[in-house]
Amino acid sequence: MKIKIIFLVLLCSSMMMETTKNIDISEIYKVQFFAMGGVGFSGEQTLGEKIFSLIISQDNNLKTFHKVYIKGNNNAKVYAICL
């Protein structure tokens, strides 16, 4: 039973990492809505929040969020000021 649980945890974490690898950061300029935390029945992160997390992990995140605030739509601007 413990092995099954460990396998499921590893499988889910690898799936989450895979989804963040293929995200284009420029998509944050035109996000459809702002949401933090789990959304919907499955509690998934929105695309905007995934991109937000990727930008936070970068060294030049202040410059990136400044660009997002200048060029992005209103929803993107909210992500930018959340830094």
C-alpha atoms as a PDB file:
ATOM      1  CA  MET A   1       0.000   0.000   0.000  1.00  0.00           C
ATOM      2  CA  LYS A   2       2.807   2.425   0.854  1.00  0.00           C
ATOM      3  CA  ILE A   3       4.476   1.747  -2.465  1.00  0.00           C
ATOM      4  CA  LYS A   4       1.261   2.595  -4.333  1.00  0.00           C
ATOM      5  CA  ILE A   5       0.943   5.892  -2.475  1.00  0.00           C
ATOM      6  CA  ILE A   6       4.573   6.798  -3.141  1.00  0.00           C
ATOM      7  CA  PHE A   7       4.140   5.917  -6.804  1.00  0.00           C
ATOM      8  CA  LEU A   8       1.037   8.118  -7.088  1.00  0.00           C
ATOM      9  CA  VAL A   9       2.766  11.047  -5.398  1.00  0.00           C
ATOM     10  CA  LEU A  10       5.766  10.763  -7.711  1.00  0.00           C
ATOM     11  CA  LEU A  11       3.544  10.426 -10.753  1.00  0.00           C
ATOM     12  CA  CYS A  12       1.502  13.504  -9.859  1.00  0.00           C
ATOM     13  CA  SER A  13       4.565  15.598  -9.098  1.00  0.00           C
ATOM     14  CA  SER A  14       6.198  14.655 -12.392  1.00  0.00           C
ATOM     15  CA  MET A  15       3.016  15.588 -14.232  1.00  0.00           C
ATOM     16  CA  MET A  16       2.987  19.003 -12.540  1.00  0.00           C
ATOM     17  CA  MET A  17       6.621  19.612 -13.476  1.00  0.00           C
ATOM     18  CA  GLU A  18       5.937  18.646 -17.075  1.00  0.00           C
ATOM     19  CA  THR A  19       3.122  21.140 -17.395  1.00  0.00           C
ATOM     20  CA  THR A  20       5.304  24.024 -16.241  1.00  0.00           C
ATOM     21  CA  LYS A  21       8.137  23.183 -18.654  1.00  0.00           C
ATOM     22  CA  ASN A  22       6.059  23.824 -21.760  1.00  0.00           C
ATOM     23  CA  ILE A  23       4.572  27.165 -20.737  1.00  0.00           C
ATOM     24  CA  ASP A  24       5.318  30.307 -22.743  1.00  0.00           C
ATOM     25  CA  ILE A  25       5.873  33.166 -20.293  1.00  0.00           C
ATOM     26  CA  SER A  26       4.571  35.737 -22.772  1.00  0.00           C
ATOM     27  CA  GLU A  27       1.102  34.228 -22.334  1.00  0.00           C
ATOM     28  CA  ILE A  28       0.765  36.185 -19.073  1.00  0.00           C
ATOM     29  CA  TYR A  29       0.238  39.404 -21.038  1.00  0.00           C
ATOM     30  CA  LYS A  30      -3.196  38.195 -22.118  1.00  0.00           C
ATOM     31  CA  VAL A  31      -4.467  35.947 -19.302  1.00  0.00           C
ATOM     32  CA  GLN A  32      -8.245  35.599 -19.239  1.00  0.00           C
ATOM     33  CA  PHE A  33      -8.726  35.940 -15.480  1.00  0.00           C
ATOM     34  CA  PHE A  34      -6.815  36.346 -12.222  1.00  0.00           C
ATOM     35  CA  ALA A  35      -6.909  33.559  -9.637  1.00  0.00           C
ATOM     36  CA  MET A  36      -4.550  32.334  -6.932  1.00  0.00           C
ATOM     37  CA  GLY A  37      -4.845  28.899  -5.405  1.00  0.00           C
ATOM     38  CA  GLY A  38      -6.792  25.913  -6.590  1.00  0.00           C
ATOM     39  CA  VAL A  39      -9.599  26.569  -9.054  1.00  0.00           C
ATOM     40  CA  GLY A  40     -12.483  24.306  -9.965  1.00  0.00           C
ATOM     41  CA  PHE A  41     -13.376  20.859  -8.676  1.00  0.00           C
ATOM     42  CA  SER A  42      -9.871  19.483  -9.131  1.00  0.00           C
ATOM     43  CA  GLY A  43      -8.173  22.466  -7.489  1.00  0.00           C
ATOM     44  CA  GLU A  44      -5.821  23.112 -10.409  1.00  0.00           C
ATOM     45  CA  GLN A  45      -3.628  26.167 -10.771  1.00  0.00           C
ATOM     46  CA  THR A  46      -4.611  28.520 -13.553  1.00  0.00           C
ATOM     47  CA  LEU A  47      -2.256  29.194 -16.442  1.00  0.00           C
ATOM     48  CA  GLY A  48      -1.668  32.689 -15.078  1.00  0.00           C
ATOM     49  CA  GLU A  49      -0.601  31.342 -11.698  1.00  0.00           C
ATOM     50  CA  LYS A  50       1.722  28.784 -13.297  1.00  0.00           C
ATOM     51  CA  ILE A  51       3.368  31.545 -15.325  1.00  0.00           C
ATOM     52  CA  PHE A  52       3.514  33.746 -12.216  1.00  0.00           C
ATOM     53  CA  SER A  53       5.405  30.973 -10.390  1.00  0.00           C
ATOM     54  CA  LEU A  54       7.829  30.585 -13.291  1.00  0.00           C
ATOM     55  CA  ILE A  55       8.545  34.308 -13.385  1.00  0.00           C
ATOM     56  CA  ILE A  56       9.069  34.415  -9.607  1.00  0.00           C
ATOM     57  CA  SER A  57      11.739  31.720  -9.922  1.00  0.00           C
ATOM     58  CA  GLN A  58      13.749  33.775 -12.423  1.00  0.00           C
ATOM     59  CA  ASP A  59      16.557  36.157 -11.514  1.00  0.00           C
ATOM     60  CA  ASN A  60      15.150  39.086 -13.522  1.00  0.00           C
ATOM     61  CA  ASN A  61      11.609  38.807 -12.190  1.00  0.00           C
ATOM     62  CA  LEU A  62      11.286  42.520 -11.320  1.00  0.00           C
ATOM     63  CA  LYS A  63      11.984  43.568 -14.902  1.00  0.00           C
ATOM     64  CA  THR A  64       9.611  40.948 -16.236  1.00  0.00           C
ATOM     65  CA  PHE A  65       6.778  41.992 -13.937  1.00  0.00           C
ATOM     66  CA  HIS A  66       7.391  45.643 -14.814  1.00  0.00           C
ATOM     67  CA  LYS A  67       6.943  44.750 -18.500  1.00  0.00           C
ATOM     68  CA  VAL A  68       3.821  42.777 -17.658  1.00  0.00           C
ATOM     69  CA  TYR A  69       2.389  45.772 -15.810  1.00  0.00           C
ATOM     70  CA  ILE A  70       3.130  48.120 -18.724  1.00  0.00           C
ATOM     71  CA  LYS A  71       2.053  45.853 -21.614  1.00  0.00           C
ATOM     72  CA  GLY A  72      -0.398  43.358 -20.106  1.00  0.00           C
ATOM     73  CA  ASN A  73      -4.154  43.421 -19.797  1.00  0.00           C
ATOM     74  CA  ASN A  74      -5.826  44.233 -16.468  1.00  0.00           C
ATOM     75  CA  ASN A  75      -5.671  40.628 -15.263  1.00  0.00           C
ATOM     76  CA  ALA A  76      -1.949  40.443 -16.032  1.00  0.00           C
ATOM     77  CA  LYS A  77      -1.399  43.679 -14.147  1.00  0.00           C
ATOM     78  CA  VAL A  78      -2.860  42.126 -11.008  1.00  0.00           C
ATOM     79  CA  TYR A  79      -0.318  39.302 -11.249  1.00  0.00           C
ATOM     80  CA  ALA A  80       2.409  41.910 -11.685  1.00  0.00           C
ATOM     81  CA  ILE A  81       1.502  43.831  -8.540  1.00  0.00           C
ATOM     82  CA  CYS A  82       1.267  40.625  -6.496  1.00  0.00           C
ATOM     83  CA  LEU A  83       5.035  40.432  -6.440  1.00  0.00           C
END
